[in-house]
N, C-alpha and C. Protein backbone atom coordinates (compact mmCIF):
# COMPACT_ATOMS: atom_id res chain seq x y z
N MET A 1 -6.62 23.00 -18.31
CA MET A 1 -7.00 22.65 -17.01
C MET A 1 -8.44 22.88 -17.27
N ARG A 2 -9.30 22.34 -16.55
CA ARG A 2 -11.11 23.09 -16.53
C ARG A 2 -10.78 23.22 -14.99
N PRO A 3 -11.68 23.93 -14.35
CA PRO A 3 -12.10 24.23 -13.26
C PRO A 3 -12.86 23.06 -12.48
N ILE A 4 -12.97 22.70 -11.67
CA ILE A 4 -13.35 21.73 -10.35
C ILE A 4 -13.94 22.30 -8.89
N GLU A 5 -14.87 21.99 -8.45
CA GLU A 5 -15.28 22.53 -7.07
C GLU A 5 -14.29 21.62 -5.70
N ASN A 6 -14.18 22.40 -5.20
CA ASN A 6 -13.58 21.20 -3.77
C ASN A 6 -14.29 21.82 -2.94
N GLU A 7 -14.31 20.99 -2.53
CA GLU A 7 -14.82 20.67 -0.85
C GLU A 7 -14.07 21.09 0.27
N ARG A 8 -14.20 21.63 1.09
CA ARG A 8 -13.31 22.02 1.64
C ARG A 8 -13.78 21.84 3.38
N HIS A 9 -12.52 22.17 4.41
CA HIS A 9 -12.81 21.24 6.01
C HIS A 9 -13.65 22.23 6.37
N ASP A 10 -13.57 23.36 5.58
CA ASP A 10 -14.84 24.65 6.67
C ASP A 10 -16.06 24.80 5.89
N GLY A 11 -16.18 23.59 4.72
CA GLY A 11 -17.71 24.28 4.44
C GLY A 11 -17.42 25.03 3.35
N ARG A 12 -16.79 25.93 3.08
CA ARG A 12 -16.59 26.69 1.97
C ARG A 12 -15.99 26.25 0.94
N ARG A 13 -16.33 26.37 -0.48
CA ARG A 13 -15.81 26.14 -2.03
C ARG A 13 -14.67 26.71 -2.54
N LEU A 14 -13.82 26.26 -2.88
CA LEU A 14 -12.74 26.53 -3.62
C LEU A 14 -12.82 26.09 -5.24
N ASP A 15 -12.49 26.79 -6.43
CA ASP A 15 -12.70 26.67 -7.49
C ASP A 15 -11.00 26.44 -7.40
N ILE A 16 -10.45 25.53 -7.66
CA ILE A 16 -8.82 25.22 -8.06
C ILE A 16 -8.70 24.29 -9.75
N PRO A 17 -7.60 24.24 -10.20
CA PRO A 17 -7.85 23.89 -11.97
C PRO A 17 -7.30 21.84 -11.19
N GLN A 18 -7.97 21.12 -12.22
CA GLN A 18 -7.84 20.03 -12.14
C GLN A 18 -6.63 20.18 -13.26
N ARG A 19 -5.36 19.06 -13.03
CA ARG A 19 -4.68 18.45 -13.99
C ARG A 19 -5.17 17.59 -14.21
N GLU A 20 -5.54 17.06 -16.02
CA GLU A 20 -5.41 15.55 -16.61
C GLU A 20 -3.93 15.41 -17.41
N GLY A 21 -4.15 13.73 -17.27
CA GLY A 21 -3.19 13.24 -17.82
C GLY A 21 -3.12 13.61 -19.58
N PRO A 22 -1.83 13.07 -20.24
CA PRO A 22 -0.66 13.15 -19.17
C PRO A 22 -0.35 13.29 -18.88
N TRP A 23 0.99 12.97 -18.01
CA TRP A 23 1.47 13.43 -16.71
C TRP A 23 3.32 13.60 -17.17
N ASP A 24 3.36 13.60 -18.23
CA ASP A 24 4.83 13.63 -18.92
C ASP A 24 5.11 15.41 -19.42
N ARG A 25 4.61 16.30 -18.83
CA ARG A 25 5.41 17.27 -19.23
C ARG A 25 6.27 18.01 -18.78
N PRO A 26 6.84 19.07 -19.65
CA PRO A 26 7.65 19.54 -19.32
C PRO A 26 7.72 20.24 -17.67
N GLY A 27 8.73 20.44 -16.76
CA GLY A 27 8.49 20.51 -15.17
C GLY A 27 7.58 20.38 -14.35
N THR A 28 7.27 18.90 -14.76
CA THR A 28 6.48 18.08 -13.72
C THR A 28 7.44 17.80 -12.53
N LEU A 29 6.85 17.44 -11.17
CA LEU A 29 8.07 17.46 -10.62
C LEU A 29 7.14 15.90 -10.16
N TYR A 30 8.13 14.09 -10.10
CA TYR A 30 7.73 13.39 -9.89
C TYR A 30 8.47 13.27 -8.63
N PHE A 31 7.65 12.35 -7.55
CA PHE A 31 7.94 11.56 -6.08
C PHE A 31 7.41 10.39 -6.46
N TYR A 32 8.48 9.55 -5.49
CA TYR A 32 8.48 8.05 -5.32
C TYR A 32 9.32 8.10 -4.36
N GLY A 33 9.38 8.45 -3.06
CA GLY A 33 10.75 8.24 -2.70
C GLY A 33 11.92 9.04 -2.94
N GLY A 34 12.69 8.69 -2.52
CA GLY A 34 13.84 9.28 -3.14
C GLY A 34 13.93 10.94 -2.46
N ARG A 35 14.76 12.32 -3.34
CA ARG A 35 14.46 13.28 -2.84
C ARG A 35 13.63 13.90 -2.54
N GLU A 36 12.44 13.82 -3.11
CA GLU A 36 10.91 13.81 -3.07
C GLU A 36 10.09 12.92 -2.04
N LYS A 37 10.68 12.71 -0.90
CA LYS A 37 9.85 11.33 -0.57
C LYS A 37 8.90 12.26 0.48
N ASP A 38 9.10 13.23 1.05
CA ASP A 38 8.19 14.44 1.59
C ASP A 38 6.82 14.00 0.90
N LEU A 39 6.66 14.24 -0.10
CA LEU A 39 5.33 13.81 -0.48
C LEU A 39 4.56 13.05 -0.38
N SER A 40 4.99 11.95 -0.50
CA SER A 40 4.79 10.78 -0.33
C SER A 40 4.11 10.35 0.75
N SER A 41 3.37 9.32 0.48
CA SER A 41 2.24 9.15 1.90
C SER A 41 2.86 7.93 2.59
N PHE A 42 4.21 7.42 2.17
CA PHE A 42 5.15 7.00 3.33
C PHE A 42 5.42 7.55 4.24
N ALA A 43 5.97 9.10 3.96
CA ALA A 43 6.92 9.82 4.93
C ALA A 43 6.05 9.96 6.76
N PRO A 44 6.73 9.85 7.12
CA PRO A 44 6.53 9.94 8.55
C PRO A 44 5.32 10.98 8.49
N THR A 45 4.24 10.55 9.43
CA THR A 45 3.11 12.27 9.71
C THR A 45 2.51 11.79 11.24
N PRO A 46 3.82 11.82 12.32
CA PRO A 46 3.00 11.71 13.37
C PRO A 46 2.33 12.57 14.27
N GLY A 47 0.88 12.77 14.27
CA GLY A 47 0.05 13.38 14.96
C GLY A 47 -0.92 13.66 13.88
N LEU A 48 -1.43 13.51 13.18
CA LEU A 48 -2.90 13.90 11.88
C LEU A 48 -4.29 13.65 12.92
N TRP A 49 -4.44 14.76 12.53
CA TRP A 49 -5.89 14.36 13.37
C TRP A 49 -6.56 13.30 12.91
N LEU A 50 -7.77 12.61 14.24
CA LEU A 50 -8.20 11.37 13.64
C LEU A 50 -9.40 12.18 13.54
N PRO A 51 -10.61 11.68 12.63
CA PRO A 51 -12.09 11.91 12.58
C PRO A 51 -12.48 11.61 13.68
N GLU A 52 -13.55 11.89 14.78
CA GLU A 52 -14.16 11.28 15.60
C GLU A 52 -14.77 9.61 15.24
N SER A 53 -15.15 9.73 13.89
CA SER A 53 -15.39 8.53 13.39
C SER A 53 -15.68 8.53 12.31
N TRP A 54 -15.18 8.02 10.87
CA TRP A 54 -15.41 8.23 9.72
C TRP A 54 -16.60 7.32 9.24
N PHE A 55 -17.27 6.86 10.34
CA PHE A 55 -18.59 6.08 9.94
C PHE A 55 -19.95 7.51 9.71
N GLY A 56 -18.99 8.00 10.37
CA GLY A 56 -20.45 9.63 9.78
C GLY A 56 -19.69 10.87 9.24
N HIS A 57 -18.87 11.72 9.53
CA HIS A 57 -18.64 12.77 9.23
C HIS A 57 -17.36 13.05 9.78
N PRO A 58 -16.30 13.66 8.83
CA PRO A 58 -14.80 13.94 8.98
C PRO A 58 -15.06 14.95 9.92
N ARG A 59 -14.86 15.30 11.26
CA ARG A 59 -14.53 16.06 11.99
C ARG A 59 -13.60 16.06 12.91
N PRO A 60 -12.66 16.85 13.02
CA PRO A 60 -11.48 17.01 13.65
C PRO A 60 -11.81 16.38 15.23
N SER A 61 -10.76 15.69 15.68
CA SER A 61 -11.35 15.54 17.12
C SER A 61 -9.59 15.33 17.89
N PRO A 62 -9.37 14.63 19.26
CA PRO A 62 -7.60 15.09 19.29
C PRO A 62 -6.86 13.74 18.59
N LEU A 63 -5.37 14.36 18.71
CA LEU A 63 -4.85 13.88 17.82
C LEU A 63 -3.83 12.85 18.32
N VAL A 64 -4.28 12.15 17.54
CA VAL A 64 -3.87 10.44 17.47
C VAL A 64 -2.55 10.01 17.02
N GLU A 65 -0.77 8.96 17.22
CA GLU A 65 -0.30 8.82 16.81
C GLU A 65 -0.30 8.11 15.41
N VAL A 66 -0.26 8.82 14.59
CA VAL A 66 -0.29 7.99 13.01
C VAL A 66 0.90 7.80 12.71
N PRO A 67 1.56 6.93 12.20
CA PRO A 67 3.02 6.78 11.76
C PRO A 67 2.94 7.32 10.91
N THR A 68 2.28 7.27 9.40
CA THR A 68 1.99 7.73 7.85
C THR A 68 0.73 8.13 7.19
N ASN A 69 0.21 8.93 6.53
CA ASN A 69 -0.41 8.73 5.92
C ASN A 69 -1.31 7.89 5.26
N GLU A 70 -0.58 7.11 4.85
CA GLU A 70 -0.48 5.30 4.20
C GLU A 70 -1.45 4.79 5.53
N HIS A 71 -0.53 4.56 6.77
CA HIS A 71 -1.22 4.18 7.43
C HIS A 71 -2.74 4.75 7.77
N TRP A 72 -2.82 5.80 7.97
CA TRP A 72 -4.74 6.36 7.81
C TRP A 72 -5.19 6.29 7.05
N PHE A 73 -5.08 6.03 5.07
CA PHE A 73 -5.79 6.39 5.00
C PHE A 73 -6.53 4.66 4.76
N HIS A 74 -5.41 3.55 4.64
CA HIS A 74 -6.39 2.25 4.90
C HIS A 74 -6.74 1.84 6.16
N ALA A 75 -6.63 2.40 7.19
CA ALA A 75 -7.18 2.91 8.66
C ALA A 75 -8.72 2.59 8.42
N SER A 76 -8.58 4.07 7.60
CA SER A 76 -9.84 4.59 7.07
C SER A 76 -10.89 4.31 6.54
N LYS A 77 -10.77 2.65 5.92
CA LYS A 77 -11.32 2.57 4.64
C LYS A 77 -12.51 1.76 5.67
N GLY A 78 -11.75 0.78 6.98
CA GLY A 78 -12.34 0.26 7.66
C GLY A 78 -13.84 0.03 8.28
N THR A 79 -14.74 -0.37 8.92
CA THR A 79 -16.47 -0.11 9.35
C THR A 79 -16.02 -0.55 10.75
N ASN A 80 -15.54 -0.35 11.80
CA ASN A 80 -14.79 -0.81 12.67
C ASN A 80 -13.98 0.02 13.90
N ARG A 81 -14.18 0.81 14.99
CA ARG A 81 -12.44 1.10 15.01
C ARG A 81 -11.68 -0.04 15.52
N GLU A 82 -11.70 -1.31 15.86
CA GLU A 82 -11.21 -2.59 15.82
C GLU A 82 -9.75 -2.52 14.55
N ASP A 83 -10.80 -2.84 13.54
CA ASP A 83 -10.29 -2.56 12.17
C ASP A 83 -8.91 -1.55 12.16
N PHE A 84 -9.63 -0.13 12.22
CA PHE A 84 -8.87 0.82 12.36
C PHE A 84 -7.52 1.34 13.39
N PHE A 85 -7.79 0.52 14.45
CA PHE A 85 -6.54 0.57 15.29
C PHE A 85 -5.42 -0.51 14.89
N TRP A 86 -6.16 -1.72 14.59
CA TRP A 86 -5.36 -3.02 14.13
C TRP A 86 -4.31 -1.92 12.65
N VAL A 87 -4.98 -1.16 11.82
CA VAL A 87 -4.07 -1.36 10.42
C VAL A 87 -3.15 0.14 10.66
N LEU A 88 -3.79 0.95 11.96
CA LEU A 88 -2.75 1.70 12.49
C LEU A 88 -1.35 1.24 13.12
N ALA A 89 -1.81 0.41 13.50
CA ALA A 89 -0.71 -0.32 14.52
C ALA A 89 0.32 -0.69 13.28
N ALA A 90 0.20 -1.39 12.74
CA ALA A 90 1.35 -2.14 11.13
C ALA A 90 2.62 -1.07 11.18
N PRO A 91 3.30 -2.07 11.59
CA PRO A 91 4.98 -1.68 11.73
C PRO A 91 5.30 -0.83 10.47
N THR A 92 4.96 -0.84 9.66
CA THR A 92 5.65 0.15 7.95
C THR A 92 4.16 0.63 7.25
N PRO A 93 3.95 1.09 6.61
CA PRO A 93 3.32 1.95 5.67
C PRO A 93 2.93 0.42 4.77
N ALA A 94 3.84 -0.33 4.24
CA ALA A 94 3.59 -1.55 3.37
C ALA A 94 2.39 -2.12 4.00
N GLN A 95 2.98 -2.74 5.36
CA GLN A 95 2.14 -3.33 5.88
C GLN A 95 0.62 -2.99 6.31
N ALA A 96 0.86 -1.68 6.13
CA ALA A 96 -1.13 -1.60 6.76
C ALA A 96 -1.64 -1.14 5.67
N LYS A 97 -0.99 -0.65 4.06
CA LYS A 97 -1.51 -1.02 2.98
C LYS A 97 -2.38 -2.60 2.94
N ARG A 98 -1.42 -3.80 2.99
CA ARG A 98 -1.52 -5.02 3.08
C ARG A 98 -2.63 -5.48 4.11
N ARG A 99 -3.04 -4.62 5.72
CA ARG A 99 -4.08 -4.84 6.58
C ARG A 99 -5.32 -4.35 5.80
N GLY A 100 -5.22 -3.24 5.29
CA GLY A 100 -6.04 -2.61 4.84
C GLY A 100 -6.83 -3.24 3.67
N ARG A 101 -6.23 -4.52 3.04
CA ARG A 101 -6.92 -5.06 2.04
C ARG A 101 -7.54 -6.34 2.89
N LYS A 102 -7.69 -6.52 4.12
CA LYS A 102 -8.10 -7.52 4.48
C LYS A 102 -9.50 -7.32 5.17
N ILE A 103 -9.16 -5.78 5.73
CA ILE A 103 -10.92 -5.85 6.18
C ILE A 103 -11.79 -5.34 5.50
N ALA A 104 -12.80 -5.71 6.33
CA ALA A 104 -14.46 -5.12 5.58
C ALA A 104 -14.10 -3.60 5.32
N LEU A 105 -14.04 -3.04 3.81
CA LEU A 105 -14.91 -2.01 3.66
C LEU A 105 -16.01 -1.48 3.75
N ARG A 106 -15.49 0.19 4.22
CA ARG A 106 -16.85 0.66 4.24
C ARG A 106 -17.26 0.87 3.52
N PRO A 107 -19.02 1.01 3.33
CA PRO A 107 -19.91 0.44 2.24
C PRO A 107 -19.60 2.00 1.14
N ASP A 108 -19.26 3.04 1.33
CA ASP A 108 -19.22 4.01 0.29
C ASP A 108 -17.84 4.93 0.01
N TRP A 109 -16.47 3.57 0.62
CA TRP A 109 -15.15 4.13 0.15
C TRP A 109 -14.60 4.54 -0.82
N GLU A 110 -15.44 3.74 -2.04
CA GLU A 110 -15.46 4.78 -3.18
C GLU A 110 -15.33 6.17 -3.44
N GLU A 111 -17.05 6.23 -2.69
CA GLU A 111 -17.02 7.41 -2.94
C GLU A 111 -16.28 9.01 -2.35
N VAL A 112 -15.44 8.47 -0.79
CA VAL A 112 -15.40 9.24 0.37
C VAL A 112 -13.55 8.72 -0.21
N LYS A 113 -13.11 7.85 -1.33
CA LYS A 113 -11.54 7.67 -0.60
C LYS A 113 -10.73 8.88 -0.51
N VAL A 114 -10.91 10.02 -2.03
CA VAL A 114 -10.04 10.61 -2.81
C VAL A 114 -10.46 11.75 -1.71
N SER A 115 -11.21 12.24 -0.87
CA SER A 115 -11.62 12.52 0.18
C SER A 115 -10.55 12.33 1.40
N VAL A 116 -10.80 11.31 1.46
CA VAL A 116 -10.24 10.92 2.76
C VAL A 116 -8.43 11.42 2.48
N MET A 117 -8.06 11.44 1.62
CA MET A 117 -6.40 11.26 1.14
C MET A 117 -6.26 12.67 1.34
N ARG A 118 -7.14 13.61 1.18
CA ARG A 118 -6.97 15.17 0.66
C ARG A 118 -7.29 15.47 1.90
N PHE A 119 -7.75 15.19 3.16
CA PHE A 119 -8.38 15.04 4.43
C PHE A 119 -6.98 15.13 5.62
N ALA A 120 -6.19 13.50 4.86
CA ALA A 120 -4.96 13.63 5.43
C ALA A 120 -3.70 13.91 5.28
N ASN A 121 -4.22 14.64 3.89
CA ASN A 121 -2.67 16.33 3.90
C ASN A 121 -2.64 17.27 4.02
N ARG A 122 -3.99 17.65 4.32
CA ARG A 122 -4.75 18.69 5.53
C ARG A 122 -3.91 18.38 6.26
N GLY A 123 -3.97 17.52 6.99
CA GLY A 123 -3.65 17.26 8.09
C GLY A 123 -1.99 17.01 8.07
N LYS A 124 -1.11 16.22 7.03
CA LYS A 124 -0.06 16.62 7.12
C LYS A 124 0.84 18.15 6.79
N PHE A 125 -0.06 18.41 5.54
CA PHE A 125 1.03 20.05 5.30
C PHE A 125 0.77 20.90 6.25
N SER A 126 -0.20 20.42 7.53
CA SER A 126 -0.50 21.75 8.71
C SER A 126 0.90 21.22 9.70
N LEU A 127 1.42 19.66 9.62
CA LEU A 127 2.75 19.93 10.80
C LEU A 127 3.87 21.13 10.61
N PRO A 128 4.38 21.42 11.75
CA PRO A 128 6.04 21.51 11.75
C PRO A 128 6.57 21.46 10.19
N ARG A 129 6.69 19.91 10.17
CA ARG A 129 7.79 19.62 9.32
C ARG A 129 7.67 19.85 8.04
N TYR A 130 6.41 19.36 7.58
CA TYR A 130 5.92 19.60 6.08
C TYR A 130 5.29 20.91 5.53
N ARG A 131 5.51 21.60 6.51
CA ARG A 131 4.26 23.19 5.99
C ARG A 131 4.79 24.05 5.04
N GLU A 132 5.96 24.11 4.70
CA GLU A 132 6.86 24.51 3.44
C GLU A 132 7.21 23.53 2.25
N THR A 133 6.67 22.30 2.74
CA THR A 133 6.71 21.75 1.52
C THR A 133 5.89 22.04 -0.01
N LEU A 134 4.58 21.71 0.32
CA LEU A 134 4.05 22.14 -0.66
C LEU A 134 3.76 23.61 -1.34
N PRO A 135 4.08 24.51 -0.24
CA PRO A 135 4.29 26.37 -1.53
C PRO A 135 5.25 25.78 -1.87
N ALA A 136 7.38 24.87 -1.61
CA ALA A 136 8.16 24.76 -2.61
C ALA A 136 7.59 24.47 -3.83
N THR A 137 6.61 23.65 -3.94
CA THR A 137 6.91 22.81 -5.90
C THR A 137 6.48 23.83 -6.74
N GLY A 138 5.96 25.42 -6.06
CA GLY A 138 5.15 26.38 -6.86
C GLY A 138 3.96 26.22 -7.47
N ASP A 139 3.56 26.55 -8.47
CA ASP A 139 3.00 25.24 -9.19
C ASP A 139 3.15 24.25 -10.76
N ARG A 140 4.08 23.91 -10.24
CA ARG A 140 4.94 22.54 -10.75
C ARG A 140 3.57 21.32 -10.66
N VAL A 141 3.27 20.68 -11.83
CA VAL A 141 2.23 20.10 -11.74
C VAL A 141 2.97 18.74 -10.36
N LEU A 142 2.06 17.69 -9.50
CA LEU A 142 2.68 16.90 -8.85
C LEU A 142 2.51 15.34 -9.57
N VAL A 143 3.10 14.46 -9.59
CA VAL A 143 2.81 13.22 -9.90
C VAL A 143 3.84 12.02 -9.17
N GLU A 144 2.97 11.14 -9.15
CA GLU A 144 3.47 9.93 -7.94
C GLU A 144 3.91 8.84 -8.63
N ASP A 145 5.19 8.93 -9.44
CA ASP A 145 5.85 8.07 -9.97
C ASP A 145 6.01 6.70 -9.88
N SER A 146 4.50 6.11 -9.22
CA SER A 146 5.11 4.92 -8.49
C SER A 146 4.38 3.83 -10.18
N PRO A 147 5.82 2.70 -9.69
CA PRO A 147 5.50 1.85 -10.70
C PRO A 147 4.21 0.61 -10.77
N THR A 148 3.73 0.52 -10.23
CA THR A 148 2.69 -0.20 -10.30
C THR A 148 1.09 0.05 -9.43
N ASP A 149 0.77 1.89 -9.00
CA ASP A 149 -0.15 1.73 -8.72
C ASP A 149 -0.62 2.77 -9.80
N TYR A 150 -1.82 2.90 -10.55
CA TYR A 150 -2.21 3.41 -11.29
C TYR A 150 -3.22 4.20 -11.40
N ALA A 151 -3.62 4.12 -10.48
CA ALA A 151 -4.59 4.86 -9.89
C ALA A 151 -4.21 6.17 -8.88
N TRP A 152 -3.30 6.27 -7.87
CA TRP A 152 -3.12 7.18 -7.35
C TRP A 152 -1.57 7.48 -7.81
N GLY A 153 -1.18 6.98 -8.61
CA GLY A 153 0.30 7.54 -9.48
C GLY A 153 -0.43 7.74 -10.76
N GLY A 154 0.70 8.05 -11.60
CA GLY A 154 1.03 8.92 -12.50
C GLY A 154 1.26 7.90 -13.70
N ARG A 155 2.04 6.67 -13.56
CA ARG A 155 1.91 6.02 -14.47
C ARG A 155 1.20 5.28 -15.17
N ASP A 156 0.98 4.22 -16.06
CA ASP A 156 -0.81 3.73 -16.60
C ASP A 156 0.18 2.64 -16.69
N GLY A 157 0.90 1.38 -16.98
CA GLY A 157 1.19 0.45 -17.08
C GLY A 157 1.37 0.22 -18.05
N SER A 158 1.61 0.68 -18.89
CA SER A 158 2.98 0.66 -20.42
C SER A 158 3.83 0.98 -20.74
N GLY A 159 4.17 2.16 -19.67
CA GLY A 159 5.67 2.93 -19.76
C GLY A 159 5.42 4.06 -20.06
N GLY A 160 4.14 4.68 -19.92
CA GLY A 160 3.04 5.78 -20.16
C GLY A 160 3.04 6.37 -18.93
N TYR A 161 2.19 8.19 -19.32
CA TYR A 161 2.38 8.61 -18.15
C TYR A 161 0.67 9.13 -17.87
N GLY A 162 -0.24 8.10 -18.30
CA GLY A 162 -1.10 8.20 -18.46
C GLY A 162 -2.52 7.61 -17.03
N GLY A 163 -1.68 7.45 -16.05
CA GLY A 163 -1.94 6.78 -14.94
C GLY A 163 -3.36 8.36 -14.12
N MET A 164 -4.04 7.74 -13.62
CA MET A 164 -5.11 8.76 -12.93
C MET A 164 -4.42 9.30 -11.93
N ASN A 165 -3.29 9.64 -11.39
CA ASN A 165 -3.22 10.21 -10.37
C ASN A 165 -3.35 11.06 -9.22
N LEU A 166 -3.99 10.33 -9.19
CA LEU A 166 -5.55 10.94 -8.11
C LEU A 166 -3.93 11.33 -6.64
N LEU A 167 -3.22 10.72 -6.55
CA LEU A 167 -2.46 11.57 -4.86
C LEU A 167 -1.76 12.78 -5.35
N GLY A 168 -1.36 12.49 -6.67
CA GLY A 168 -0.42 13.94 -7.19
C GLY A 168 -1.52 14.99 -7.43
N ILE A 169 -3.39 14.96 -7.34
CA ILE A 169 -3.85 15.96 -7.40
C ILE A 169 -4.22 16.28 -6.12
N ALA A 170 -4.51 15.37 -5.89
CA ALA A 170 -4.71 15.56 -3.96
C ALA A 170 -3.89 16.79 -3.34
N LEU A 171 -2.79 16.27 -3.46
CA LEU A 171 -1.98 17.37 -3.33
C LEU A 171 -1.97 18.53 -3.77
N MET A 172 -2.24 18.79 -5.02
CA MET A 172 -1.99 19.86 -5.82
C MET A 172 -3.73 20.39 -5.43
N GLU A 173 -4.43 19.90 -4.64
CA GLU A 173 -5.47 20.76 -4.23
C GLU A 173 -5.55 20.91 -3.24
N VAL A 174 -4.63 20.52 -2.05
CA VAL A 174 -4.34 20.99 -0.93
C VAL A 174 -3.35 22.36 -1.22
N ARG A 175 -2.00 22.04 -2.19
CA ARG A 175 -1.34 23.17 -2.29
C ARG A 175 -1.97 24.47 -2.55
N ALA A 176 -3.44 24.08 -3.15
CA ALA A 176 -3.85 25.59 -3.86
C ALA A 176 -4.92 26.34 -2.71
N GLU A 177 -5.20 24.90 -1.58
CA GLU A 177 -5.88 25.87 -0.57
C GLU A 177 -5.44 26.38 0.38
N LEU A 178 -3.71 25.98 0.48
CA LEU A 178 -2.72 26.63 1.36
C LEU A 178 -2.63 27.56 0.69
N ALA A 179 -2.47 27.94 -0.48
CA ALA A 179 -1.76 29.17 -1.19
C ALA A 179 -3.25 30.56 -0.71
N HIS A 180 -4.40 29.82 -1.16
CA HIS A 180 -5.75 30.69 -0.97
C HIS A 180 -5.78 31.07 0.18
N ALA A 181 -5.85 29.99 1.48
CA ALA A 181 -5.27 30.34 2.65
C ALA A 181 -4.31 31.78 2.82
N ALA A 182 -3.09 31.63 2.62
CA ALA A 182 -2.40 32.86 2.25
C ALA A 182 -2.69 33.98 2.23
N ALA A 183 -3.42 33.75 0.82
CA ALA A 183 -3.54 35.17 0.33
C ALA A 183 -4.25 36.34 1.01
C-alpha cells in the first residue's frame, strides 16, 4: 500500500492507504447486491446533499431527495440543471445510469468523477441508516464485484480481479475519513 493525499470536504488533507489490485486477497469484502447491498451505489439514499452547482465547486446546500448514489453520480455528469434533475427523476438506478449516458458531459468529468463519488458516499454514510455500515467493515479491502464494470468494480473482464475498483477505493477512503473523525 502506498499513501496518497485525499482532499477532504473541509479543505484539510488526510493521508490514507490506496489499495491496488489484484483484488482477490483473503479477507476481501465483495459487494454487488445481496447481503452487502448497502455498500452499493444502488442502495436507497434519500436526502443526500446537493451542491449548489456542480458547474463550480462542491458546496453543500439544502437537501433534495436523491433516490440512490447512482442517480446522483450520473446526474452530476451534466452541464445544466435540466439534465441534472431529469437524471435524478429516473425511476430506477439502472435507468439513471442510462440517462446519464445521454446527456452532455461536463468538460472536466474525467478529472472530477472520483471526487463526485467520494462526495456522494460521504453524504450517504452520514445518514442514520448507513452510519455504522462502513465502520463495521473494519479494515477489510472493499471490492465492488460487478461482472461488467471494470473501472468502478474490481473484476477485469478475464475472470480475474485486476479491475480498477474505483468504488471500493472511494468507500475505503470515506471509511478512513470516518475513522479519523471518530478518533
